[in-house]
Amino acid sequence: MSITARNFLKKAMGAYLEEDGATLQGSFRDALTDLFHIAFNNKRLRKKAAYDKASNLDWESYLKNLSNEAYLIFIEEREQAENHLVEKTRQSDLPLLVSKDWEFNSTIQILDRILRSEK
């Protein structure tokens, strides 16, 4: 995602929070809901979904599938970031990371491999 687009989304989230008077959780929910409305009404996306022979999904299921894919990408990016943190840590600092609660098993495996000097 571009830096400009990400900054624009951060400002938009602030608007949901301040202008709409939504709670923090409500502002994210409202923003995601509005994204679904935008996607639902987007004729180009609707046309792409209609011609996407591999999906065989109705329009609402197509949007649900799109959101599931986005969530999976989000998880994958978080896992890659966690793994990168361990991989870039200096050898002398690695023991400090042993007691940390890691979210992903792949990170624990990387840490274990590095600590065993099988790198």
N, C-alpha and C. Protein backbone atom coordinates (compact mmCIF):
# COMPACT_ATOMS: atom_id res chain seq x y z
N MET A 1 0.85 -1.17 0.00
CA MET A 1 0.00 0.00 0.00
C MET A 1 0.89 1.23 0.00
N SER A 2 0.47 2.22 -0.72
CA SER A 2 1.27 3.43 -0.79
C SER A 2 1.23 4.20 0.52
N ILE A 3 2.27 4.95 0.78
CA ILE A 3 2.34 5.78 1.99
C ILE A 3 1.21 6.81 1.98
N THR A 4 0.95 7.40 0.83
CA THR A 4 -0.10 8.41 0.70
C THR A 4 -1.46 7.81 1.06
N ALA A 5 -1.76 6.63 0.53
CA ALA A 5 -3.04 5.98 0.81
C ALA A 5 -3.15 5.62 2.29
N ARG A 6 -2.08 5.11 2.86
CA ARG A 6 -2.10 4.75 4.29
C ARG A 6 -2.33 5.98 5.16
N ASN A 7 -1.65 7.08 4.85
CA ASN A 7 -1.85 8.31 5.62
C ASN A 7 -3.27 8.84 5.47
N PHE A 8 -3.82 8.71 4.26
CA PHE A 8 -5.20 9.13 4.03
C PHE A 8 -6.16 8.30 4.89
N LEU A 9 -5.93 7.00 4.96
CA LEU A 9 -6.78 6.14 5.78
C LEU A 9 -6.68 6.49 7.27
N LYS A 10 -5.48 6.82 7.73
CA LYS A 10 -5.32 7.22 9.14
C LYS A 10 -6.12 8.49 9.43
N LYS A 11 -6.09 9.45 8.51
CA LYS A 11 -6.88 10.68 8.68
C LYS A 11 -8.36 10.37 8.65
N ALA A 12 -8.77 9.46 7.76
CA ALA A 12 -10.18 9.08 7.68
C ALA A 12 -10.63 8.43 8.98
N MET A 13 -9.78 7.60 9.57
CA MET A 13 -10.13 6.97 10.84
C MET A 13 -10.32 8.01 11.93
N GLY A 14 -9.49 9.04 11.91
CA GLY A 14 -9.66 10.14 12.86
C GLY A 14 -10.99 10.84 12.67
N ALA A 15 -11.42 10.99 11.43
CA ALA A 15 -12.70 11.62 11.15
C ALA A 15 -13.85 10.76 11.67
N TYR A 16 -13.78 9.46 11.49
CA TYR A 16 -14.82 8.58 12.03
C TYR A 16 -14.91 8.73 13.54
N LEU A 17 -13.77 8.80 14.18
CA LEU A 17 -13.72 8.89 15.63
C LEU A 17 -14.24 10.23 16.13
N GLU A 18 -13.80 11.32 15.51
CA GLU A 18 -14.14 12.66 15.99
C GLU A 18 -15.47 13.18 15.47
N GLU A 19 -15.68 13.10 14.17
CA GLU A 19 -16.86 13.71 13.57
C GLU A 19 -18.13 12.90 13.77
N ASP A 20 -18.00 11.58 13.74
CA ASP A 20 -19.18 10.73 13.90
C ASP A 20 -19.47 10.44 15.37
N GLY A 21 -18.52 10.73 16.23
CA GLY A 21 -18.72 10.45 17.65
C GLY A 21 -18.72 8.97 17.98
N ALA A 22 -18.13 8.17 17.10
CA ALA A 22 -18.07 6.72 17.32
C ALA A 22 -17.02 6.39 18.36
N THR A 23 -17.19 5.24 18.98
CA THR A 23 -16.14 4.74 19.86
C THR A 23 -14.95 4.33 18.99
N LEU A 24 -13.85 4.03 19.63
CA LEU A 24 -12.67 3.60 18.87
C LEU A 24 -12.99 2.34 18.06
N GLN A 25 -13.57 1.35 18.71
CA GLN A 25 -13.94 0.12 18.00
C GLN A 25 -15.01 0.42 16.95
N GLY A 26 -15.97 1.26 17.30
CA GLY A 26 -17.04 1.62 16.37
C GLY A 26 -16.53 2.34 15.14
N SER A 27 -15.49 3.15 15.31
CA SER A 27 -14.95 3.88 14.16
C SER A 27 -14.32 2.93 13.15
N PHE A 28 -13.63 1.90 13.63
CA PHE A 28 -13.06 0.90 12.72
C PHE A 28 -14.17 0.09 12.06
N ARG A 29 -15.17 -0.29 12.83
CA ARG A 29 -16.29 -1.05 12.27
C ARG A 29 -17.01 -0.22 11.20
N ASP A 30 -17.25 1.07 11.49
CA ASP A 30 -17.93 1.93 10.52
C ASP A 30 -17.11 2.10 9.24
N ALA A 31 -15.80 2.23 9.40
CA ALA A 31 -14.93 2.39 8.23
C ALA A 31 -14.95 1.13 7.36
N LEU A 32 -14.86 -0.03 8.00
CA LEU A 32 -14.90 -1.28 7.24
C LEU A 32 -16.27 -1.46 6.57
N THR A 33 -17.32 -1.09 7.26
CA THR A 33 -18.67 -1.18 6.68
C THR A 33 -18.78 -0.28 5.46
N ASP A 34 -18.26 0.94 5.57
CA ASP A 34 -18.31 1.85 4.43
C ASP A 34 -17.47 1.32 3.26
N LEU A 35 -16.35 0.68 3.55
CA LEU A 35 -15.55 0.06 2.48
C LEU A 35 -16.35 -1.02 1.76
N PHE A 36 -17.11 -1.79 2.52
CA PHE A 36 -17.98 -2.79 1.89
C PHE A 36 -19.03 -2.13 1.00
N HIS A 37 -19.61 -1.03 1.48
CA HIS A 37 -20.60 -0.31 0.66
C HIS A 37 -19.96 0.21 -0.63
N ILE A 38 -18.76 0.76 -0.51
CA ILE A 38 -18.05 1.28 -1.68
C ILE A 38 -17.77 0.15 -2.67
N ALA A 39 -17.28 -0.98 -2.14
CA ALA A 39 -16.99 -2.13 -3.01
C ALA A 39 -18.28 -2.67 -3.63
N PHE A 40 -19.34 -2.74 -2.83
CA PHE A 40 -20.62 -3.26 -3.31
C PHE A 40 -21.17 -2.44 -4.46
N ASN A 41 -20.97 -1.13 -4.39
CA ASN A 41 -21.50 -0.23 -5.42
C ASN A 41 -20.53 0.04 -6.56
N ASN A 42 -19.34 -0.55 -6.50
CA ASN A 42 -18.34 -0.31 -7.53
C ASN A 42 -18.62 -1.21 -8.74
N LYS A 43 -18.98 -0.58 -9.84
CA LYS A 43 -19.37 -1.34 -11.03
C LYS A 43 -18.21 -2.13 -11.62
N ARG A 44 -17.00 -1.59 -11.55
CA ARG A 44 -15.84 -2.30 -12.10
C ARG A 44 -15.56 -3.58 -11.31
N LEU A 45 -15.65 -3.48 -9.99
CA LEU A 45 -15.42 -4.66 -9.16
C LEU A 45 -16.54 -5.68 -9.36
N ARG A 46 -17.75 -5.20 -9.46
CA ARG A 46 -18.90 -6.08 -9.67
C ARG A 46 -18.75 -6.82 -11.01
N LYS A 47 -18.28 -6.09 -12.02
CA LYS A 47 -18.09 -6.70 -13.34
C LYS A 47 -16.97 -7.75 -13.28
N LYS A 48 -15.88 -7.43 -12.57
CA LYS A 48 -14.78 -8.38 -12.42
C LYS A 48 -15.27 -9.63 -11.71
N ALA A 49 -16.08 -9.47 -10.67
CA ALA A 49 -16.61 -10.61 -9.93
C ALA A 49 -17.50 -11.47 -10.83
N ALA A 50 -18.27 -10.83 -11.69
CA ALA A 50 -19.17 -11.57 -12.58
C ALA A 50 -18.39 -12.40 -13.59
N TYR A 51 -17.24 -11.90 -14.01
CA TYR A 51 -16.43 -12.61 -15.01
C TYR A 51 -15.37 -13.51 -14.40
N ASP A 52 -15.27 -13.50 -13.09
CA ASP A 52 -14.28 -14.35 -12.43
C ASP A 52 -14.84 -15.76 -12.34
N LYS A 53 -14.57 -16.55 -13.33
CA LYS A 53 -15.14 -17.90 -13.44
C LYS A 53 -14.67 -18.81 -12.31
N ALA A 54 -13.48 -18.55 -11.79
CA ALA A 54 -12.94 -19.44 -10.76
C ALA A 54 -13.69 -19.30 -9.44
N SER A 55 -14.30 -18.17 -9.19
CA SER A 55 -14.91 -17.95 -7.89
C SER A 55 -16.26 -18.65 -7.74
N ASN A 56 -17.10 -18.60 -8.78
CA ASN A 56 -18.45 -19.17 -8.72
C ASN A 56 -19.20 -18.72 -7.46
N LEU A 57 -19.02 -17.47 -7.08
CA LEU A 57 -19.65 -16.93 -5.87
C LEU A 57 -20.68 -15.88 -6.25
N ASP A 58 -21.73 -15.78 -5.43
CA ASP A 58 -22.63 -14.65 -5.62
C ASP A 58 -21.92 -13.40 -5.12
N TRP A 59 -22.50 -12.26 -5.38
CA TRP A 59 -21.83 -10.99 -5.11
C TRP A 59 -21.49 -10.82 -3.63
N GLU A 60 -22.41 -11.12 -2.74
CA GLU A 60 -22.15 -10.97 -1.31
C GLU A 60 -21.05 -11.94 -0.84
N SER A 61 -21.07 -13.15 -1.36
CA SER A 61 -20.02 -14.11 -1.01
C SER A 61 -18.67 -13.68 -1.57
N TYR A 62 -18.70 -13.05 -2.74
CA TYR A 62 -17.47 -12.53 -3.33
C TYR A 62 -16.85 -11.49 -2.40
N LEU A 63 -17.68 -10.59 -1.85
CA LEU A 63 -17.18 -9.57 -0.92
C LEU A 63 -16.67 -10.21 0.38
N LYS A 64 -17.38 -11.21 0.85
CA LYS A 64 -16.93 -11.90 2.07
C LYS A 64 -15.58 -12.57 1.81
N ASN A 65 -15.43 -13.19 0.66
CA ASN A 65 -14.17 -13.82 0.29
C ASN A 65 -13.05 -12.78 0.21
N LEU A 66 -13.37 -11.63 -0.34
CA LEU A 66 -12.40 -10.54 -0.43
C LEU A 66 -11.92 -10.11 0.96
N SER A 67 -12.85 -9.99 1.90
CA SER A 67 -12.46 -9.59 3.26
C SER A 67 -11.65 -10.68 3.95
N ASN A 68 -11.99 -11.94 3.71
CA ASN A 68 -11.22 -13.04 4.28
C ASN A 68 -9.79 -13.05 3.74
N GLU A 69 -9.64 -12.80 2.43
CA GLU A 69 -8.31 -12.74 1.84
C GLU A 69 -7.50 -11.59 2.45
N ALA A 70 -8.14 -10.45 2.64
CA ALA A 70 -7.45 -9.30 3.24
C ALA A 70 -6.99 -9.63 4.65
N TYR A 71 -7.83 -10.31 5.42
CA TYR A 71 -7.45 -10.67 6.78
C TYR A 71 -6.27 -11.65 6.78
N LEU A 72 -6.28 -12.61 5.87
CA LEU A 72 -5.17 -13.56 5.77
C LEU A 72 -3.86 -12.86 5.40
N ILE A 73 -3.94 -11.87 4.53
CA ILE A 73 -2.75 -11.09 4.16
C ILE A 73 -2.24 -10.32 5.37
N PHE A 74 -3.17 -9.75 6.15
CA PHE A 74 -2.83 -9.03 7.38
C PHE A 74 -2.06 -9.94 8.34
N ILE A 75 -2.56 -11.16 8.55
CA ILE A 75 -1.89 -12.12 9.44
C ILE A 75 -0.52 -12.49 8.89
N GLU A 76 -0.43 -12.74 7.60
CA GLU A 76 0.84 -13.10 6.96
C GLU A 76 1.87 -11.98 7.13
N GLU A 77 1.45 -10.74 6.96
CA GLU A 77 2.37 -9.60 7.10
C GLU A 77 2.84 -9.46 8.54
N ARG A 78 1.95 -9.71 9.51
CA ARG A 78 2.36 -9.64 10.92
C ARG A 78 3.36 -10.74 11.24
N GLU A 79 3.14 -11.94 10.69
CA GLU A 79 4.06 -13.05 10.92
C GLU A 79 5.43 -12.74 10.31
N GLN A 80 5.44 -12.20 9.10
CA GLN A 80 6.71 -11.84 8.46
C GLN A 80 7.46 -10.79 9.28
N ALA A 81 6.73 -9.82 9.82
CA ALA A 81 7.37 -8.76 10.62
C ALA A 81 7.96 -9.35 11.90
N GLU A 82 7.23 -10.26 12.54
CA GLU A 82 7.73 -10.90 13.76
C GLU A 82 8.97 -11.74 13.46
N ASN A 83 8.93 -12.50 12.37
CA ASN A 83 10.09 -13.31 11.98
C ASN A 83 11.29 -12.43 11.66
N HIS A 84 11.04 -11.33 10.98
CA HIS A 84 12.13 -10.42 10.63
C HIS A 84 12.78 -9.84 11.89
N LEU A 85 11.98 -9.55 12.90
CA LEU A 85 12.52 -9.02 14.15
C LEU A 85 13.53 -9.98 14.77
N VAL A 86 13.18 -11.26 14.79
CA VAL A 86 14.09 -12.26 15.35
C VAL A 86 15.32 -12.42 14.47
N GLU A 87 15.11 -12.49 13.17
CA GLU A 87 16.24 -12.71 12.25
C GLU A 87 17.24 -11.57 12.25
N LYS A 88 16.81 -10.35 12.50
CA LYS A 88 17.75 -9.22 12.46
C LYS A 88 18.39 -8.92 13.81
N THR A 89 17.97 -9.63 14.85
CA THR A 89 18.53 -9.42 16.18
C THR A 89 19.95 -9.98 16.26
N ARG A 90 20.83 -9.23 16.90
CA ARG A 90 22.22 -9.68 17.05
C ARG A 90 22.26 -10.95 17.89
N GLN A 91 23.22 -11.80 17.61
CA GLN A 91 23.38 -13.08 18.32
C GLN A 91 23.45 -12.86 19.82
N SER A 92 24.16 -11.85 20.28
CA SER A 92 24.32 -11.62 21.72
C SER A 92 23.01 -11.20 22.39
N ASP A 93 22.07 -10.64 21.63
CA ASP A 93 20.80 -10.21 22.20
C ASP A 93 19.70 -11.26 22.12
N LEU A 94 19.95 -12.36 21.41
CA LEU A 94 18.92 -13.38 21.23
C LEU A 94 18.38 -13.98 22.53
N PRO A 95 19.23 -14.24 23.54
CA PRO A 95 18.67 -14.79 24.79
C PRO A 95 17.59 -13.89 25.42
N LEU A 96 17.64 -12.61 25.16
CA LEU A 96 16.62 -11.70 25.69
C LEU A 96 15.25 -11.98 25.06
N LEU A 97 15.23 -12.59 23.89
CA LEU A 97 13.98 -12.85 23.18
C LEU A 97 13.33 -14.17 23.57
N VAL A 98 14.06 -15.01 24.33
CA VAL A 98 13.56 -16.35 24.64
C VAL A 98 12.28 -16.29 25.47
N SER A 99 12.21 -15.39 26.42
CA SER A 99 11.05 -15.35 27.32
C SER A 99 9.86 -14.58 26.73
N LYS A 100 10.05 -13.94 25.60
CA LYS A 100 8.95 -13.19 25.00
C LYS A 100 7.88 -14.14 24.47
N ASP A 101 6.64 -13.74 24.61
CA ASP A 101 5.54 -14.53 24.05
C ASP A 101 5.40 -14.20 22.58
N TRP A 102 5.77 -15.15 21.74
CA TRP A 102 5.68 -14.97 20.30
C TRP A 102 4.34 -15.46 19.81
N GLU A 103 3.79 -14.77 18.86
CA GLU A 103 2.47 -15.11 18.34
C GLU A 103 2.51 -16.28 17.36
N PHE A 104 3.57 -16.38 16.60
CA PHE A 104 3.61 -17.35 15.52
C PHE A 104 4.65 -18.44 15.80
N ASN A 105 4.28 -19.68 15.50
CA ASN A 105 5.19 -20.81 15.69
C ASN A 105 6.43 -20.69 14.82
N SER A 106 6.26 -20.11 13.64
CA SER A 106 7.41 -19.96 12.74
C SER A 106 8.49 -19.09 13.39
N THR A 107 8.09 -18.11 14.16
CA THR A 107 9.06 -17.24 14.84
C THR A 107 9.82 -18.03 15.90
N ILE A 108 9.12 -18.86 16.64
CA ILE A 108 9.76 -19.69 17.66
C ILE A 108 10.75 -20.65 17.00
N GLN A 109 10.39 -21.20 15.87
CA GLN A 109 11.29 -22.12 15.16
C GLN A 109 12.54 -21.39 14.66
N ILE A 110 12.37 -20.16 14.17
CA ILE A 110 13.53 -19.38 13.72
C ILE A 110 14.44 -19.08 14.90
N LEU A 111 13.84 -18.65 16.01
CA LEU A 111 14.62 -18.33 17.21
C LEU A 111 15.37 -19.58 17.68
N ASP A 112 14.70 -20.69 17.72
CA ASP A 112 15.33 -21.95 18.14
C ASP A 112 16.49 -22.33 17.23
N ARG A 113 16.27 -22.21 15.91
CA ARG A 113 17.31 -22.55 14.95
C ARG A 113 18.53 -21.65 15.14
N ILE A 114 18.29 -20.35 15.32
CA ILE A 114 19.40 -19.42 15.48
C ILE A 114 20.15 -19.68 16.79
N LEU A 115 19.41 -19.93 17.85
CA LEU A 115 20.05 -20.18 19.14
C LEU A 115 20.87 -21.47 19.12
N ARG A 116 20.47 -22.42 18.31
CA ARG A 116 21.21 -23.67 18.18
C ARG A 116 22.34 -23.53 17.15
N SER A 117 22.47 -22.34 16.61
CA SER A 117 23.51 -22.00 15.62
C SER A 117 23.46 -22.90 14.39
N GLU A 118 22.25 -23.21 13.95
CA GLU A 118 22.08 -23.97 12.72
C GLU A 118 21.83 -23.04 11.55
N LYS A 119 22.07 -21.78 11.73
CA LYS A 119 21.77 -20.76 10.74
C LYS A 119 22.50 -20.95 9.46
